[in-house]
Amino acid sequence: EDDEDVQNVYTNMKPLEEDWYSWLIKFSVFFMKYTYHTQGTCSTAIHLDVENGILKDVYFDNGCDGNLKGISILVKGMKVEEVITKLEGVRCGMKTTSCPDQLCHALHQMGYWW
């Protein structure tokens, strides 16, 4: 009898979980923190916090300290789409990428494409 009660509770909870997920999808309420390990740059990792398609916080491990702090301040509060449009493809010297470009790679890995 106890097992049946547990099963009924689980069965009754499942639609609530599905409704919660549907609500998240419907209202695009997404909070995502992500760490991206860069390739081809002096920076070794980028830590991102995205909420509803807005870049809330970014910081870089290693690399050109002042420049990366400046980039982080400039992109904070921007729409992800705008960040990608402005920074994708930027190169650093003779390299095929840069820290701003790697930020775009990180956003793509998070599922943002424009």
PDB file of N, CA and C in Angstrom:
ATOM      1  N   GLU A   1       0.826  -1.205   0.000  1.00  0.00           N
ATOM      2  CA  GLU A   1       0.000   0.000   0.000  1.00  0.00           C
ATOM      3  C   GLU A   1       0.863   1.259   0.000  1.00  0.00           C
ATOM      4  N   ASP A   2       1.975   1.252   0.729  1.00  0.00           N
ATOM      5  CA  ASP A   2       2.857   2.411   0.770  1.00  0.00           C
ATOM      6  C   ASP A   2       3.499   2.680  -0.594  1.00  0.00           C
ATOM      7  N   ASP A   3       3.889   1.617  -1.282  1.00  0.00           N
ATOM      8  CA  ASP A   3       4.477   1.771  -2.611  1.00  0.00           C
ATOM      9  C   ASP A   3       3.492   2.408  -3.572  1.00  0.00           C
ATOM     10  N   GLU A   4       2.223   2.030  -3.442  1.00  0.00           N
ATOM     11  CA  GLU A   4       1.194   2.604  -4.308  1.00  0.00           C
ATOM     12  C   GLU A   4       1.029   4.094  -4.029  1.00  0.00           C
ATOM     13  N   ASP A   5       1.090   4.507  -2.765  1.00  0.00           N
ATOM     14  CA  ASP A   5       0.988   5.924  -2.405  1.00  0.00           C
ATOM     15  C   ASP A   5       2.157   6.723  -2.985  1.00  0.00           C
ATOM     16  N   VAL A   6       3.346   6.151  -2.895  1.00  0.00           N
ATOM     17  CA  VAL A   6       4.523   6.811  -3.451  1.00  0.00           C
ATOM     18  C   VAL A   6       4.377   6.969  -4.954  1.00  0.00           C
ATOM     19  N   GLN A   7       3.904   5.935  -5.636  1.00  0.00           N
ATOM     20  CA  GLN A   7       3.703   6.001  -7.077  1.00  0.00           C
ATOM     21  C   GLN A   7       2.664   7.062  -7.435  1.00  0.00           C
ATOM     22  N   ASN A   8       1.587   7.154  -6.667  1.00  0.00           N
ATOM     23  CA  ASN A   8       0.561   8.170  -6.925  1.00  0.00           C
ATOM     24  C   ASN A   8       1.122   9.576  -6.747  1.00  0.00           C
ATOM     25  N   VAL A   9       1.941   9.768  -5.727  1.00  0.00           N
ATOM     26  CA  VAL A   9       2.546  11.088  -5.511  1.00  0.00           C
ATOM     27  C   VAL A   9       3.443  11.433  -6.692  1.00  0.00           C
ATOM     28  N   TYR A  10       4.283  10.487  -7.122  1.00  0.00           N
ATOM     29  CA  TYR A  10       5.172  10.736  -8.257  1.00  0.00           C
ATOM     30  C   TYR A  10       4.366  11.034  -9.522  1.00  0.00           C
ATOM     31  N   THR A  11       3.342  10.252  -9.773  1.00  0.00           N
ATOM     32  CA  THR A  11       2.518  10.441 -10.963  1.00  0.00           C
ATOM     33  C   THR A  11       1.841  11.801 -10.925  1.00  0.00           C
ATOM     34  N   ASN A  12       1.372  12.214  -9.758  1.00  0.00           N
ATOM     35  CA  ASN A  12       0.718  13.516  -9.640  1.00  0.00           C
ATOM     36  C   ASN A  12       1.716  14.668  -9.753  1.00  0.00           C
ATOM     37  N   MET A  13       2.978  14.460  -9.410  1.00  0.00           N
ATOM     38  CA  MET A  13       3.985  15.511  -9.487  1.00  0.00           C
ATOM     39  C   MET A  13       4.494  15.705 -10.915  1.00  0.00           C
ATOM     40  N   LYS A  14       4.517  14.666 -11.688  1.00  0.00           N
ATOM     41  CA  LYS A  14       5.112  14.734 -13.020  1.00  0.00           C
ATOM     42  C   LYS A  14       4.499  15.837 -13.889  1.00  0.00           C
ATOM     43  N   PRO A  15       3.180  15.985 -13.957  1.00  0.00           N
ATOM     44  CA  PRO A  15       2.633  17.082 -14.759  1.00  0.00           C
ATOM     45  C   PRO A  15       3.078  18.447 -14.258  1.00  0.00           C
ATOM     46  N   LEU A  16       3.291  18.589 -12.946  1.00  0.00           N
ATOM     47  CA  LEU A  16       3.768  19.861 -12.421  1.00  0.00           C
ATOM     48  C   LEU A  16       5.150  20.178 -12.975  1.00  0.00           C
ATOM     49  N   GLU A  17       6.025  19.184 -13.023  1.00  0.00           N
ATOM     50  CA  GLU A  17       7.354  19.384 -13.573  1.00  0.00           C
ATOM     51  C   GLU A  17       7.253  19.767 -15.051  1.00  0.00           C
ATOM     52  N   GLU A  18       6.403  19.084 -15.788  1.00  0.00           N
ATOM     53  CA  GLU A  18       6.241  19.398 -17.203  1.00  0.00           C
ATOM     54  C   GLU A  18       5.664  20.796 -17.377  1.00  0.00           C
ATOM     55  N   ASP A  19       4.711  21.190 -16.523  1.00  0.00           N
ATOM     56  CA  ASP A  19       4.143  22.535 -16.600  1.00  0.00           C
ATOM     57  C   ASP A  19       5.209  23.585 -16.303  1.00  0.00           C
ATOM     58  N   TRP A  20       6.069  23.310 -15.333  1.00  0.00           N
ATOM     59  CA  TRP A  20       7.145  24.240 -14.990  1.00  0.00           C
ATOM     60  C   TRP A  20       8.083  24.414 -16.190  1.00  0.00           C
ATOM     61  N   TYR A  21       8.456  23.317 -16.827  1.00  0.00           N
ATOM     62  CA  TYR A  21       9.337  23.396 -17.989  1.00  0.00           C
ATOM     63  C   TYR A  21       8.643  24.142 -19.123  1.00  0.00           C
ATOM     64  N   SER A  22       7.381  23.863 -19.344  1.00  0.00           N
ATOM     65  CA  SER A  22       6.627  24.565 -20.391  1.00  0.00           C
ATOM     66  C   SER A  22       6.582  26.059 -20.112  1.00  0.00           C
ATOM     67  N   TRP A  23       6.425  26.409 -18.840  1.00  0.00           N
ATOM     68  CA  TRP A  23       6.399  27.820 -18.451  1.00  0.00           C
ATOM     69  C   TRP A  23       7.744  28.477 -18.754  1.00  0.00           C
ATOM     70  N   LEU A  24       8.830  27.767 -18.460  1.00  0.00           N
ATOM     71  CA  LEU A  24      10.162  28.310 -18.745  1.00  0.00           C
ATOM     72  C   LEU A  24      10.340  28.555 -20.234  1.00  0.00           C
ATOM     73  N   ILE A  25       9.921  27.585 -21.037  1.00  0.00           N
ATOM     74  CA  ILE A  25      10.040  27.723 -22.489  1.00  0.00           C
ATOM     75  C   ILE A  25       9.168  28.878 -22.978  1.00  0.00           C
ATOM     76  N   LYS A  26       7.941  28.922 -22.527  1.00  0.00           N
ATOM     77  CA  LYS A  26       6.982  29.923 -22.989  1.00  0.00           C
ATOM     78  C   LYS A  26       7.459  31.343 -22.700  1.00  0.00           C
ATOM     79  N   PHE A  27       7.984  31.557 -21.520  1.00  0.00           N
ATOM     80  CA  PHE A  27       8.376  32.902 -21.121  1.00  0.00           C
ATOM     81  C   PHE A  27       9.868  33.162 -21.274  1.00  0.00           C
ATOM     82  N   SER A  28      10.598  32.209 -21.856  1.00  0.00           N
ATOM     83  CA  SER A  28      12.036  32.348 -22.116  1.00  0.00           C
ATOM     84  C   SER A  28      12.806  32.818 -20.891  1.00  0.00           C
ATOM     85  N   VAL A  29      12.513  32.219 -19.779  1.00  0.00           N
ATOM     86  CA  VAL A  29      13.206  32.566 -18.546  1.00  0.00           C
ATOM     87  C   VAL A  29      14.356  31.578 -18.382  1.00  0.00           C
ATOM     88  N   PHE A  30      15.510  31.962 -18.859  1.00  0.00           N
ATOM     89  CA  PHE A  30      16.662  31.084 -18.779  1.00  0.00           C
ATOM     90  C   PHE A  30      17.816  31.795 -18.100  1.00  0.00           C
ATOM     91  N   PHE A  31      18.366  31.143 -17.105  1.00  0.00           N
ATOM     92  CA  PHE A  31      19.534  31.631 -16.406  1.00  0.00           C
ATOM     93  C   PHE A  31      20.621  30.596 -16.646  1.00  0.00           C
ATOM     94  N   MET A  32      21.728  31.016 -17.221  1.00  0.00           N
ATOM     95  CA  MET A  32      22.739  30.035 -17.560  1.00  0.00           C
ATOM     96  C   MET A  32      24.120  30.574 -17.210  1.00  0.00           C
ATOM     97  N   LYS A  33      24.834  29.805 -16.412  1.00  0.00           N
ATOM     98  CA  LYS A  33      26.240  30.097 -16.142  1.00  0.00           C
ATOM     99  C   LYS A  33      27.046  29.053 -16.886  1.00  0.00           C
ATOM    100  N   TYR A  34      28.163  29.493 -17.460  1.00  0.00           N
ATOM    101  CA  TYR A  34      28.911  28.604 -18.329  1.00  0.00           C
ATOM    102  C   TYR A  34      30.383  28.964 -18.273  1.00  0.00           C
ATOM    103  N   THR A  35      31.230  27.964 -18.328  1.00  0.00           N
ATOM    104  CA  THR A  35      32.672  28.180 -18.445  1.00  0.00           C
ATOM    105  C   THR A  35      33.142  27.561 -19.748  1.00  0.00           C
ATOM    106  N   TYR A  36      33.829  28.359 -20.528  1.00  0.00           N
ATOM    107  CA  TYR A  36      34.335  27.933 -21.836  1.00  0.00           C
ATOM    108  C   TYR A  36      35.856  27.958 -21.793  1.00  0.00           C
ATOM    109  N   HIS A  37      36.490  26.878 -22.212  1.00  0.00           N
ATOM    110  CA  HIS A  37      37.946  26.803 -22.267  1.00  0.00           C
ATOM    111  C   HIS A  37      38.390  27.216 -23.668  1.00  0.00           C
ATOM    112  N   THR A  38      39.101  28.315 -23.729  1.00  0.00           N
ATOM    113  CA  THR A  38      39.468  28.923 -25.006  1.00  0.00           C
ATOM    114  C   THR A  38      40.536  28.121 -25.741  1.00  0.00           C
ATOM    115  N   GLN A  39      40.647  28.416 -27.030  1.00  0.00           N
ATOM    116  CA  GLN A  39      41.659  27.779 -27.879  1.00  0.00           C
ATOM    117  C   GLN A  39      42.340  28.863 -28.707  1.00  0.00           C
ATOM    118  N   GLY A  40      43.666  28.863 -28.690  1.00  0.00           N
ATOM    119  CA  GLY A  40      44.416  29.780 -29.541  1.00  0.00           C
ATOM    120  C   GLY A  40      44.572  31.185 -29.011  1.00  0.00           C
ATOM    121  N   THR A  41      44.309  31.401 -27.723  1.00  0.00           N
ATOM    122  CA  THR A  41      44.450  32.731 -27.129  1.00  0.00           C
ATOM    123  C   THR A  41      45.250  32.655 -25.826  1.00  0.00           C
ATOM    124  N   CYS A  42      45.701  33.814 -25.366  1.00  0.00           N
ATOM    125  CA  CYS A  42      46.421  33.878 -24.086  1.00  0.00           C
ATOM    126  C   CYS A  42      45.469  33.600 -22.925  1.00  0.00           C
ATOM    127  N   SER A  43      44.219  34.009 -23.077  1.00  0.00           N
ATOM    128  CA  SER A  43      43.208  33.686 -22.072  1.00  0.00           C
ATOM    129  C   SER A  43      42.946  32.179 -22.113  1.00  0.00           C
ATOM    130  N   THR A  44      42.761  31.580 -20.949  1.00  0.00           N
ATOM    131  CA  THR A  44      42.573  30.128 -20.911  1.00  0.00           C
ATOM    132  C   THR A  44      41.122  29.711 -20.703  1.00  0.00           C
ATOM    133  N   ALA A  45      40.301  30.618 -20.176  1.00  0.00           N
ATOM    134  CA  ALA A  45      38.889  30.295 -19.941  1.00  0.00           C
ATOM    135  C   ALA A  45      38.070  31.580 -19.876  1.00  0.00           C
ATOM    136  N   ILE A  46      36.796  31.437 -20.224  1.00  0.00           N
ATOM    137  CA  ILE A  46      35.836  32.538 -20.124  1.00  0.00           C
ATOM    138  C   ILE A  46      34.667  32.047 -19.289  1.00  0.00           C
ATOM    139  N   HIS A  47      34.280  32.837 -18.303  1.00  0.00           N
ATOM    140  CA  HIS A  47      33.149  32.517 -17.436  1.00  0.00           C
ATOM    141  C   HIS A  47      32.015  33.481 -17.780  1.00  0.00           C
ATOM    142  N   LEU A  48      30.858  32.905 -18.137  1.00  0.00           N
ATOM    143  CA  LEU A  48      29.730  33.719 -18.595  1.00  0.00           C
ATOM    144  C   LEU A  48      28.495  33.488 -17.738  1.00  0.00           C
ATOM    145  N   ASP A  49      27.706  34.514 -17.637  1.00  0.00           N
ATOM    146  CA  ASP A  49      26.410  34.429 -16.971  1.00  0.00           C
ATOM    147  C   ASP A  49      25.400  35.096 -17.901  1.00  0.00           C
ATOM    148  N   VAL A  50      24.497  34.299 -18.471  1.00  0.00           N
ATOM    149  CA  VAL A  50      23.501  34.799 -19.426  1.00  0.00           C
ATOM    150  C   VAL A  50      22.114  34.609 -18.838  1.00  0.00           C
ATOM    151  N   GLU A  51      21.297  35.642 -18.945  1.00  0.00           N
ATOM    152  CA  GLU A  51      19.924  35.584 -18.446  1.00  0.00           C
ATOM    153  C   GLU A  51      18.999  36.163 -19.508  1.00  0.00           C
ATOM    154  N   ASN A  52      18.077  35.346 -19.981  1.00  0.00           N
ATOM    155  CA  ASN A  52      17.100  35.773 -20.992  1.00  0.00           C
ATOM    156  C   ASN A  52      17.757  36.411 -22.211  1.00  0.00           C
ATOM    157  N   GLY A  53      18.868  35.837 -22.665  1.00  0.00           N
ATOM    158  CA  GLY A  53      19.528  36.348 -23.855  1.00  0.00           C
ATOM    159  C   GLY A  53      20.361  37.599 -23.627  1.00  0.00           C
ATOM    160  N   ILE A  54      20.559  37.981 -22.371  1.00  0.00           N
ATOM    161  CA  ILE A  54      21.372  39.149 -22.016  1.00  0.00           C
ATOM    162  C   ILE A  54      22.619  38.665 -21.288  1.00  0.00           C
ATOM    163  N   LEU A  55      23.771  39.170 -21.700  1.00  0.00           N
ATOM    164  CA  LEU A  55      25.026  38.821 -21.052  1.00  0.00           C
ATOM    165  C   LEU A  55      25.121  39.612 -19.756  1.00  0.00           C
ATOM    166  N   LYS A  56      24.946  38.931 -18.630  1.00  0.00           N
ATOM    167  CA  LYS A  56      24.926  39.586 -17.327  1.00  0.00           C
ATOM    168  C   LYS A  56      26.318  39.774 -16.742  1.00  0.00           C
ATOM    169  N   ASP A  57      27.214  38.828 -17.000  1.00  0.00           N
ATOM    170  CA  ASP A  57      28.558  38.933 -16.451  1.00  0.00           C
ATOM    171  C   ASP A  57      29.513  38.081 -17.283  1.00  0.00           C
ATOM    172  N   VAL A  58      30.725  38.579 -17.456  1.00  0.00           N
ATOM    173  CA  VAL A  58      31.763  37.861 -18.194  1.00  0.00           C
ATOM    174  C   VAL A  58      33.086  38.157 -17.513  1.00  0.00           C
ATOM    175  N   TYR A  59      33.892  37.130 -17.311  1.00  0.00           N
ATOM    176  CA  TYR A  59      35.276  37.381 -16.932  1.00  0.00           C
ATOM    177  C   TYR A  59      36.168  36.307 -17.521  1.00  0.00           C
ATOM    178  N   PHE A  60      37.398  36.728 -17.783  1.00  0.00           N
ATOM    179  CA  PHE A  60      38.381  35.902 -18.466  1.00  0.00           C
ATOM    180  C   PHE A  60      39.471  35.477 -17.493  1.00  0.00           C
ATOM    181  N   ASP A  61      39.963  34.247 -17.648  1.00  0.00           N
ATOM    182  CA  ASP A  61      41.140  33.794 -16.912  1.00  0.00           C
ATOM    183  C   ASP A  61      42.355  34.049 -17.780  1.00  0.00           C
ATOM    184  N   ASN A  62      43.359  34.718 -17.202  1.00  0.00           N
ATOM    185  CA  ASN A  62      44.625  35.016 -17.877  1.00  0.00           C
ATOM    186  C   ASN A  62      44.395  35.960 -19.053  1.00  0.00           C
ATOM    187  N   GLY A  63      45.393  36.154 -19.880  1.00  0.00           N
ATOM    188  CA  GLY A  63      45.279  37.051 -21.017  1.00  0.00           C
ATOM    189  C   GLY A  63      45.636  38.476 -20.660  1.00  0.00           C
ATOM    190  N   CYS A  64      45.340  39.408 -21.543  1.00  0.00           N
ATOM    191  CA  CYS A  64      45.649  40.839 -21.366  1.00  0.00           C
ATOM    192  C   CYS A  64      44.659  41.448 -20.382  1.00  0.00           C
ATOM    193  N   ASP A  65      45.076  41.573 -19.158  1.00  0.00           N
ATOM    194  CA  ASP A  65      44.186  41.926 -18.053  1.00  0.00           C
ATOM    195  C   ASP A  65      43.328  43.164 -18.325  1.00  0.00           C
ATOM    196  N   GLY A  66      43.950  44.275 -18.680  1.00  0.00           N
ATOM    197  CA  GLY A  66      43.192  45.515 -18.886  1.00  0.00           C
ATOM    198  C   GLY A  66      42.222  45.422 -20.040  1.00  0.00           C
ATOM    199  N   ASN A  67      42.683  44.869 -21.158  1.00  0.00           N
ATOM    200  CA  ASN A  67      41.818  44.741 -22.335  1.00  0.00           C
ATOM    201  C   ASN A  67      40.616  43.840 -22.051  1.00  0.00           C
ATOM    202  N   LEU A  68      40.861  42.733 -21.364  1.00  0.00           N
ATOM    203  CA  LEU A  68      39.770  41.791 -21.102  1.00  0.00           C
ATOM    204  C   LEU A  68      38.792  42.342 -20.068  1.00  0.00           C
ATOM    205  N   LYS A  69      39.277  43.094 -19.098  1.00  0.00           N
ATOM    206  CA  LYS A  69      38.366  43.763 -18.160  1.00  0.00           C
ATOM    207  C   LYS A  69      37.506  44.775 -18.918  1.00  0.00           C
ATOM    208  N   GLY A  70      38.142  45.489 -19.873  1.00  0.00           N
ATOM    209  CA  GLY A  70      37.396  46.458 -20.683  1.00  0.00           C
ATOM    210  C   GLY A  70      36.316  45.798 -21.517  1.00  0.00           C
ATOM    211  N   ILE A  71      36.662  44.702 -22.174  1.00  0.00           N
ATOM    212  CA  ILE A  71      35.677  43.966 -22.972  1.00  0.00           C
ATOM    213  C   ILE A  71      34.530  43.496 -22.081  1.00  0.00           C
ATOM    214  N   SER A  72      34.863  42.962 -20.915  1.00  0.00           N
ATOM    215  CA  SER A  72      33.840  42.461 -19.989  1.00  0.00           C
ATOM    216  C   SER A  72      32.869  43.569 -19.598  1.00  0.00           C
ATOM    217  N   ILE A  73      33.401  44.753 -19.307  1.00  0.00           N
ATOM    218  CA  ILE A  73      32.556  45.889 -18.919  1.00  0.00           C
ATOM    219  C   ILE A  73      31.680  46.320 -20.091  1.00  0.00           C
ATOM    220  N   LEU A  74      32.251  46.361 -21.293  1.00  0.00           N
ATOM    221  CA  LEU A  74      31.508  46.820 -22.471  1.00  0.00           C
ATOM    222  C   LEU A  74      30.362  45.887 -22.851  1.00  0.00           C
ATOM    223  N   VAL A  75      30.567  44.572 -22.727  1.00  0.00           N
ATOM    224  CA  VAL A  75      29.526  43.637 -23.167  1.00  0.00           C
ATOM    225  C   VAL A  75      28.502  43.342 -22.069  1.00  0.00           C
ATOM    226  N   LYS A  76      28.812  43.687 -20.839  1.00  0.00           N
ATOM    227  CA  LYS A  76      27.874  43.434 -19.744  1.00  0.00           C
ATOM    228  C   LYS A  76      26.567  44.199 -19.994  1.00  0.00           C
ATOM    229  N   GLY A  77      25.452  43.460 -19.979  1.00  0.00           N
ATOM    230  CA  GLY A  77      24.139  44.055 -20.215  1.00  0.00           C
ATOM    231  C   GLY A  77      23.714  44.049 -21.673  1.00  0.00           C
ATOM    232  N   MET A  78      24.595  43.614 -22.576  1.00  0.00           N
ATOM    233  CA  MET A  78      24.256  43.573 -24.001  1.00  0.00           C
ATOM    234  C   MET A  78      23.492  42.301 -24.340  1.00  0.00           C
ATOM    235  N   LYS A  79      22.681  42.384 -25.379  1.00  0.00           N
ATOM    236  CA  LYS A  79      22.039  41.189 -25.911  1.00  0.00           C
ATOM    237  C   LYS A  79      23.117  40.308 -26.522  1.00  0.00           C
ATOM    238  N   VAL A  80      22.965  39.003 -26.343  1.00  0.00           N
ATOM    239  CA  VAL A  80      23.927  38.046 -26.890  1.00  0.00           C
ATOM    240  C   VAL A  80      24.060  38.239 -28.397  1.00  0.00           C
ATOM    241  N   GLU A  81      22.957  38.461 -29.070  1.00  0.00           N
ATOM    242  CA  GLU A  81      22.959  38.661 -30.520  1.00  0.00           C
ATOM    243  C   GLU A  81      23.872  39.826 -30.907  1.00  0.00           C
ATOM    244  N   GLU A  82      23.812  40.902 -30.161  1.00  0.00           N
ATOM    245  CA  GLU A  82      24.623  42.085 -30.455  1.00  0.00           C
ATOM    246  C   GLU A  82      26.110  41.816 -30.210  1.00  0.00           C
ATOM    247  N   VAL A  83      26.410  41.090 -29.138  1.00  0.00           N
ATOM    248  CA  VAL A  83      27.798  40.730 -28.842  1.00  0.00           C
ATOM    249  C   VAL A  83      28.382  39.916 -29.991  1.00  0.00           C
ATOM    250  N   ILE A  84      27.642  38.919 -30.442  1.00  0.00           N
ATOM    251  CA  ILE A  84      28.118  38.061 -31.536  1.00  0.00           C
ATOM    252  C   ILE A  84      28.297  38.871 -32.812  1.00  0.00           C
ATOM    253  N   THR A  85      27.337  39.730 -33.124  1.00  0.00           N
ATOM    254  CA  THR A  85      27.410  40.546 -34.339  1.00  0.00           C
ATOM    255  C   THR A  85      28.646  41.440 -34.337  1.00  0.00           C
ATOM    256  N   LYS A  86      28.975  42.009 -33.188  1.00  0.00           N
ATOM    257  CA  LYS A  86      30.088  42.954 -33.117  1.00  0.00           C
ATOM    258  C   LYS A  86      31.457  42.297 -32.988  1.00  0.00           C
ATOM    259  N   LEU A  87      31.540  41.156 -32.311  1.00  0.00           N
ATOM    260  CA  LEU A  87      32.844  40.614 -31.953  1.00  0.00           C
ATOM    261  C   LEU A  87      33.279  39.373 -32.728  1.00  0.00           C
ATOM    262  N   GLU A  88      32.356  38.697 -33.360  1.00  0.00           N
ATOM    263  CA  GLU A  88      32.722  37.458 -34.055  1.00  0.00           C
ATOM    264  C   GLU A  88      33.676  37.755 -35.207  1.00  0.00           C
ATOM    265  N   GLY A  89      34.761  36.973 -35.270  1.00  0.00           N
ATOM    266  CA  GLY A  89      35.726  37.111 -36.350  1.00  0.00           C
ATOM    267  C   GLY A  89      36.884  38.052 -36.062  1.00  0.00           C
ATOM    268  N   VAL A  90      36.852  38.752 -34.922  1.00  0.00           N
ATOM    269  CA  VAL A  90      37.965  39.630 -34.558  1.00  0.00           C
ATOM    270  C   VAL A  90      39.211  38.769 -34.354  1.00  0.00           C
ATOM    271  N   ARG A  91      40.336  39.244 -34.885  1.00  0.00           N
ATOM    272  CA  ARG A  91      41.588  38.498 -34.770  1.00  0.00           C
ATOM    273  C   ARG A  91      42.562  39.251 -33.874  1.00  0.00           C
ATOM    274  N   CYS A  92      43.496  38.518 -33.301  1.00  0.00           N
ATOM    275  CA  CYS A  92      44.551  39.084 -32.467  1.00  0.00           C
ATOM    276  C   CYS A  92      45.875  38.860 -33.193  1.00  0.00           C
ATOM    277  N   GLY A  93      46.430  39.921 -33.753  1.00  0.00           N
ATOM    278  CA  GLY A  93      47.689  39.800 -34.481  1.00  0.00           C
ATOM    279  C   GLY A  93      47.548  38.830 -35.646  1.00  0.00           C
ATOM    280  N   MET A  94      48.466  37.881 -35.706  1.00  0.00           N
ATOM    281  CA  MET A  94      48.465  36.894 -36.790  1.00  0.00           C
ATOM    282  C   MET A  94      47.630  35.654 -36.451  1.00  0.00           C
ATOM    283  N   LYS A  95      47.046  35.631 -35.289  1.00  0.00           N
ATOM    284  CA  LYS A  95      46.233  34.478 -34.874  1.00  0.00           C
ATOM    285  C   LYS A  95      44.929  34.456 -35.670  1.00  0.00           C
ATOM    286  N   THR A  96      44.320  33.289 -35.761  1.00  0.00           N
ATOM    287  CA  THR A  96      43.038  33.161 -36.475  1.00  0.00           C
ATOM    288  C   THR A  96      41.852  33.471 -35.571  1.00  0.00           C
ATOM    289  N   THR A  97      42.113  33.796 -34.315  1.00  0.00           N
ATOM    290  CA  THR A  97      41.049  34.077 -33.355  1.00  0.00           C
ATOM    291  C   THR A  97      41.539  35.144 -32.377  1.00  0.00           C
ATOM    292  N   SER A  98      40.724  35.450 -31.398  1.00  0.00           N
ATOM    293  CA  SER A  98      41.064  36.424 -30.357  1.00  0.00           C
ATOM    294  C   SER A  98      40.179  36.137 -29.150  1.00  0.00           C
ATOM    295  N   CYS A  99      40.416  36.824 -28.060  1.00  0.00           N
ATOM    296  CA  CYS A  99      39.555  36.635 -26.889  1.00  0.00           C
ATOM    297  C   CYS A  99      38.110  37.056 -27.177  1.00  0.00           C
ATOM    298  N   PRO A 100      37.878  38.197 -27.861  1.00  0.00           N
ATOM    299  CA  PRO A 100      36.487  38.522 -28.208  1.00  0.00           C
ATOM    300  C   PRO A 100      35.843  37.464 -29.113  1.00  0.00           C
ATOM    301  N   ASP A 101      36.607  36.939 -30.067  1.00  0.00           N
ATOM    302  CA  ASP A 101      36.096  35.891 -30.952  1.00  0.00           C
ATOM    303  C   ASP A 101      35.794  34.623 -30.155  1.00  0.00           C
ATOM    304  N   GLN A 102      36.662  34.302 -29.192  1.00  0.00           N
ATOM    305  CA  GLN A 102      36.432  33.126 -28.359  1.00  0.00           C
ATOM    306  C   GLN A 102      35.188  33.302 -27.483  1.00  0.00           C
ATOM    307  N   LEU A 103      34.896  34.529 -27.084  1.00  0.00           N
ATOM    308  CA  LEU A 103      33.652  34.800 -26.362  1.00  0.00           C
ATOM    309  C   LEU A 103      32.456  34.412 -27.234  1.00  0.00           C
ATOM    310  N   CYS A 104      32.529  34.718 -28.509  1.00  0.00           N
ATOM    311  CA  CYS A 104      31.458  34.332 -29.442  1.00  0.00           C
ATOM    312  C   CYS A 104      31.372  32.817 -29.589  1.00  0.00           C
ATOM    313  N   HIS A 105      32.526  32.149 -29.627  1.00  0.00           N
ATOM    314  CA  HIS A 105      32.528  30.681 -29.672  1.00  0.00           C
ATOM    315  C   HIS A 105      31.813  30.126 -28.433  1.00  0.00           C
ATOM    316  N   ALA A 106      32.084  30.723 -27.284  1.00  0.00           N
ATOM    317  CA  ALA A 106      31.437  30.282 -26.042  1.00  0.00           C
ATOM    318  C   ALA A 106      29.921  30.453 -26.130  1.00  0.00           C
ATOM    319  N   LEU A 107      29.488  31.593 -26.643  1.00  0.00           N
ATOM    320  CA  LEU A 107      28.045  31.843 -26.776  1.00  0.00           C
ATOM    321  C   LEU A 107      27.409  30.866 -27.758  1.00  0.00           C
ATOM    322  N   HIS A 108      28.127  30.534 -28.826  1.00  0.00           N
ATOM    323  CA  HIS A 108      27.612  29.531 -29.769  1.00  0.00           C
ATOM    324  C   HIS A 108      27.474  28.178 -29.083  1.00  0.00           C
ATOM    325  N   GLN A 109      28.466  27.810 -28.287  1.00  0.00           N
ATOM    326  CA  GLN A 109      28.382  26.527 -27.580  1.00  0.00           C
ATOM    327  C   GLN A 109      27.214  26.500 -26.595  1.00  0.00           C
ATOM    328  N   MET A 110      26.826  27.663 -26.100  1.00  0.00           N
ATOM    329  CA  MET A 110      25.673  27.754 -25.201  1.00  0.00           C
ATOM    330  C   MET A 110      24.357  27.659 -25.964  1.00  0.00           C
ATOM    331  N   GLY A 111      24.441  27.694 -27.296  1.00  0.00           N
ATOM    332  CA  GLY A 111      23.222  27.544 -28.102  1.00  0.00           C
ATOM    333  C   GLY A 111      22.758  28.798 -28.773  1.00  0.00           C
ATOM    334  N   TYR A 112      23.547  29.851 -28.742  1.00  0.00           N
ATOM    335  CA  TYR A 112      23.158  31.125 -29.377  1.00  0.00           C
ATOM    336  C   TYR A 112      23.793  31.210 -30.759  1.00  0.00           C
ATOM    337  N   TRP A 113      22.958  31.392 -31.790  1.00  0.00           N
ATOM    338  CA  TRP A 113      23.428  31.501 -33.178  1.00  0.00           C
ATOM    339  C   TRP A 113      22.742  32.660 -33.859  1.00  0.00           C
ATOM    340  N   TRP A 114      23.504  33.531 -34.492  1.00  0.00           N
ATOM    341  CA  TRP A 114      22.946  34.615 -35.295  1.00  0.00           C
ATOM    342  C   TRP A 114      23.738  34.795 -36.528  1.00  0.00           C
TER     343      TRP A 114
END
